[in-house]
């Protein structure tokens, strides 16, 4: 077998292909970290959920107004 046709040095971390594989892997890992940990903390509610919360706040205001009449 000849080593000239399939050189494994290209796949080492210091080789050309190995460096790009590691670089793309780090970028992919960073993107996944962002979507998993940072995007989960955003308050994206559905339309029905935001409507339900609004109705609940209005009902709460009505109940408080009944407790303290003018």
N, C-alpha and C. Protein backbone atom coordinates (compact mmCIF):
# COMPACT_ATOMS: atom_id res chain seq x y z
N UNK A 1 0.83 -1.18 0.00
CA UNK A 1 0.00 0.00 0.00
C UNK A 1 0.88 1.24 0.00
N UNK A 2 0.46 2.17 -0.73
CA UNK A 2 1.21 3.41 -0.85
C UNK A 2 0.59 4.49 0.01
N UNK A 3 1.42 5.18 0.80
CA UNK A 3 0.93 6.27 1.65
C UNK A 3 0.72 7.55 0.86
N UNK A 4 1.20 7.62 -0.34
CA UNK A 4 1.10 8.87 -1.10
C UNK A 4 -0.33 9.14 -1.58
N UNK A 5 -1.13 8.11 -1.80
CA UNK A 5 -2.49 8.33 -2.28
C UNK A 5 -3.46 8.72 -1.15
N UNK A 6 -3.18 8.26 0.06
CA UNK A 6 -4.08 8.55 1.19
C UNK A 6 -3.23 8.95 2.38
N UNK A 7 -2.96 10.23 2.49
CA UNK A 7 -2.10 10.73 3.55
C UNK A 7 -2.95 11.09 4.76
N UNK A 8 -2.70 10.42 5.88
CA UNK A 8 -3.49 10.66 7.09
C UNK A 8 -3.09 11.95 7.80
N UNK A 9 -2.01 12.55 7.41
CA UNK A 9 -1.59 13.81 8.03
C UNK A 9 -2.59 14.93 7.77
N UNK A 10 -3.32 14.85 6.68
CA UNK A 10 -4.32 15.89 6.38
C UNK A 10 -5.45 15.90 7.41
N UNK A 11 -5.72 14.73 8.02
CA UNK A 11 -6.83 14.62 8.97
C UNK A 11 -6.42 14.89 10.41
N UNK A 12 -5.14 15.11 10.67
CA UNK A 12 -4.70 15.42 12.03
C UNK A 12 -5.14 16.85 12.37
N UNK A 13 -5.22 17.19 13.67
CA UNK A 13 -5.65 18.55 14.04
C UNK A 13 -4.76 19.66 13.49
N UNK A 14 -3.52 19.34 13.16
CA UNK A 14 -2.64 20.36 12.59
C UNK A 14 -2.67 20.33 11.07
N UNK A 15 -3.34 19.35 10.49
CA UNK A 15 -3.44 19.25 9.04
C UNK A 15 -4.54 20.15 8.50
N UNK A 16 -4.61 20.24 7.21
CA UNK A 16 -5.56 21.15 6.56
C UNK A 16 -7.01 20.73 6.80
N UNK A 17 -7.34 19.50 6.53
CA UNK A 17 -8.72 19.03 6.69
C UNK A 17 -9.09 18.93 8.17
N UNK A 18 -8.18 18.47 8.98
CA UNK A 18 -8.44 18.36 10.42
C UNK A 18 -8.72 19.69 11.06
N UNK A 19 -7.98 20.71 10.64
CA UNK A 19 -8.21 22.06 11.19
C UNK A 19 -9.61 22.54 10.83
N UNK A 20 -10.03 22.36 9.59
CA UNK A 20 -11.35 22.84 9.18
C UNK A 20 -12.47 22.04 9.84
N UNK A 21 -12.24 20.75 10.05
CA UNK A 21 -13.25 19.94 10.76
C UNK A 21 -13.41 20.44 12.18
N UNK A 22 -12.29 20.72 12.86
CA UNK A 22 -12.37 21.25 14.22
C UNK A 22 -13.01 22.64 14.25
N UNK A 23 -12.66 23.48 13.30
CA UNK A 23 -13.20 24.83 13.25
C UNK A 23 -14.71 24.83 13.02
N UNK A 24 -15.17 24.04 12.07
CA UNK A 24 -16.60 23.94 11.79
C UNK A 24 -17.32 23.29 12.98
N UNK A 25 -16.70 22.35 13.63
CA UNK A 25 -17.28 21.72 14.82
C UNK A 25 -17.45 22.72 15.96
N UNK A 26 -16.48 23.60 16.15
CA UNK A 26 -16.60 24.62 17.19
C UNK A 26 -17.71 25.61 16.87
N UNK A 27 -17.83 25.99 15.62
CA UNK A 27 -18.90 26.90 15.22
C UNK A 27 -20.26 26.24 15.43
N UNK A 28 -20.39 25.00 15.01
CA UNK A 28 -21.64 24.26 15.18
C UNK A 28 -21.99 24.10 16.66
N UNK A 29 -21.00 23.80 17.49
CA UNK A 29 -21.23 23.66 18.92
C UNK A 29 -21.69 24.98 19.53
N UNK A 30 -21.08 26.08 19.11
CA UNK A 30 -21.49 27.39 19.61
C UNK A 30 -22.92 27.73 19.23
N UNK A 31 -23.30 27.41 18.00
CA UNK A 31 -24.66 27.68 17.54
C UNK A 31 -25.66 26.83 18.33
N UNK A 32 -25.35 25.57 18.54
CA UNK A 32 -26.25 24.71 19.31
C UNK A 32 -26.35 25.18 20.76
N UNK A 33 -25.24 25.62 21.34
CA UNK A 33 -25.25 26.15 22.70
C UNK A 33 -26.16 27.37 22.79
N UNK A 34 -26.09 28.24 21.79
CA UNK A 34 -26.94 29.43 21.76
C UNK A 34 -28.41 29.05 21.69
N UNK A 35 -28.76 28.14 20.77
CA UNK A 35 -30.17 27.79 20.59
C UNK A 35 -30.72 27.02 21.77
N UNK A 36 -29.91 26.19 22.41
CA UNK A 36 -30.41 25.37 23.51
C UNK A 36 -30.52 26.19 24.79
N UNK A 37 -29.51 26.98 25.13
CA UNK A 37 -29.49 27.62 26.43
C UNK A 37 -30.01 29.06 26.42
N UNK A 38 -29.76 29.82 25.38
CA UNK A 38 -30.17 31.22 25.39
C UNK A 38 -31.55 31.43 24.80
N UNK A 39 -31.91 30.70 23.80
CA UNK A 39 -33.22 30.89 23.17
C UNK A 39 -34.34 30.33 24.04
N UNK A 40 -34.03 29.40 24.95
CA UNK A 40 -35.08 28.86 25.81
C UNK A 40 -35.55 29.88 26.83
N UNK A 41 -34.73 30.87 27.15
CA UNK A 41 -35.11 31.85 28.16
C UNK A 41 -35.95 32.98 27.60
N UNK A 42 -36.16 33.03 26.32
CA UNK A 42 -36.99 34.08 25.74
C UNK A 42 -38.46 33.78 26.01
N UNK A 43 -39.23 34.83 26.17
CA UNK A 43 -40.64 34.66 26.51
C UNK A 43 -41.52 34.64 25.28
N UNK A 44 -41.31 33.72 24.40
CA UNK A 44 -42.14 33.63 23.21
C UNK A 44 -43.40 32.83 23.53
N UNK A 45 -44.50 33.55 23.70
CA UNK A 45 -45.77 32.88 23.98
C UNK A 45 -46.56 32.78 22.69
N UNK A 46 -47.41 31.78 22.66
CA UNK A 46 -48.29 31.64 21.51
C UNK A 46 -49.40 32.69 21.60
N UNK A 47 -50.14 32.83 20.53
CA UNK A 47 -51.23 33.82 20.50
C UNK A 47 -52.28 33.50 21.57
N UNK A 48 -52.64 32.23 21.69
CA UNK A 48 -53.64 31.84 22.67
C UNK A 48 -53.14 32.04 24.09
N UNK A 49 -51.87 31.77 24.32
CA UNK A 49 -51.32 31.93 25.66
C UNK A 49 -51.26 33.39 26.06
N UNK A 50 -50.87 34.27 25.13
CA UNK A 50 -50.84 35.70 25.46
C UNK A 50 -52.25 36.23 25.67
N UNK A 51 -53.22 35.73 24.91
CA UNK A 51 -54.62 36.14 25.08
C UNK A 51 -55.14 35.66 26.44
N UNK A 52 -54.79 34.45 26.83
CA UNK A 52 -55.20 33.91 28.12
C UNK A 52 -54.62 34.73 29.27
N UNK A 53 -53.37 35.12 29.15
CA UNK A 53 -52.74 35.93 30.20
C UNK A 53 -53.39 37.31 30.29
N UNK A 54 -53.73 37.89 29.16
CA UNK A 54 -54.40 39.19 29.15
C UNK A 54 -55.78 39.10 29.81
N UNK A 55 -56.54 38.05 29.50
CA UNK A 55 -57.84 37.86 30.13
C UNK A 55 -57.70 37.64 31.64
N UNK A 56 -56.67 36.91 32.03
CA UNK A 56 -56.45 36.66 33.45
C UNK A 56 -56.11 37.96 34.19
N UNK A 57 -55.35 38.84 33.58
CA UNK A 57 -55.04 40.13 34.21
C UNK A 57 -56.28 40.99 34.32
N UNK A 58 -57.14 40.97 33.30
CA UNK A 58 -58.38 41.74 33.35
C UNK A 58 -59.29 41.21 34.45
N UNK A 59 -59.39 39.89 34.57
CA UNK A 59 -60.20 39.29 35.63
C UNK A 59 -59.64 39.64 37.01
N UNK A 60 -58.33 39.66 37.13
CA UNK A 60 -57.70 40.02 38.40
C UNK A 60 -58.01 41.47 38.76
N UNK A 61 -57.97 42.36 37.78
CA UNK A 61 -58.30 43.77 38.04
C UNK A 61 -59.75 43.91 38.48
N UNK A 62 -60.67 43.14 37.86
CA UNK A 62 -62.08 43.19 38.25
C UNK A 62 -62.27 42.70 39.68
N UNK A 63 -61.58 41.63 40.04
CA UNK A 63 -61.70 41.10 41.41
C UNK A 63 -61.14 42.07 42.43
N UNK A 64 -60.04 42.72 42.10
CA UNK A 64 -59.47 43.71 43.02
C UNK A 64 -60.40 44.91 43.14
N UNK A 65 -61.02 45.32 42.02
CA UNK A 65 -61.95 46.45 42.05
C UNK A 65 -63.18 46.14 42.91
N UNK A 66 -63.62 44.87 42.93
CA UNK A 66 -64.75 44.49 43.78
C UNK A 66 -64.38 44.55 45.26
N UNK A 67 -63.12 44.27 45.57
CA UNK A 67 -62.70 44.30 46.97
C UNK A 67 -62.61 45.72 47.50
N UNK A 68 -62.23 46.66 46.66
CA UNK A 68 -62.06 48.05 47.06
C UNK A 68 -62.97 48.96 46.24
N UNK A 69 -64.25 49.01 46.59
CA UNK A 69 -65.16 49.89 45.82
C UNK A 69 -64.85 51.35 46.08
N UNK A 70 -65.22 52.18 45.13
CA UNK A 70 -64.94 53.62 45.26
C UNK A 70 -66.00 54.30 46.06
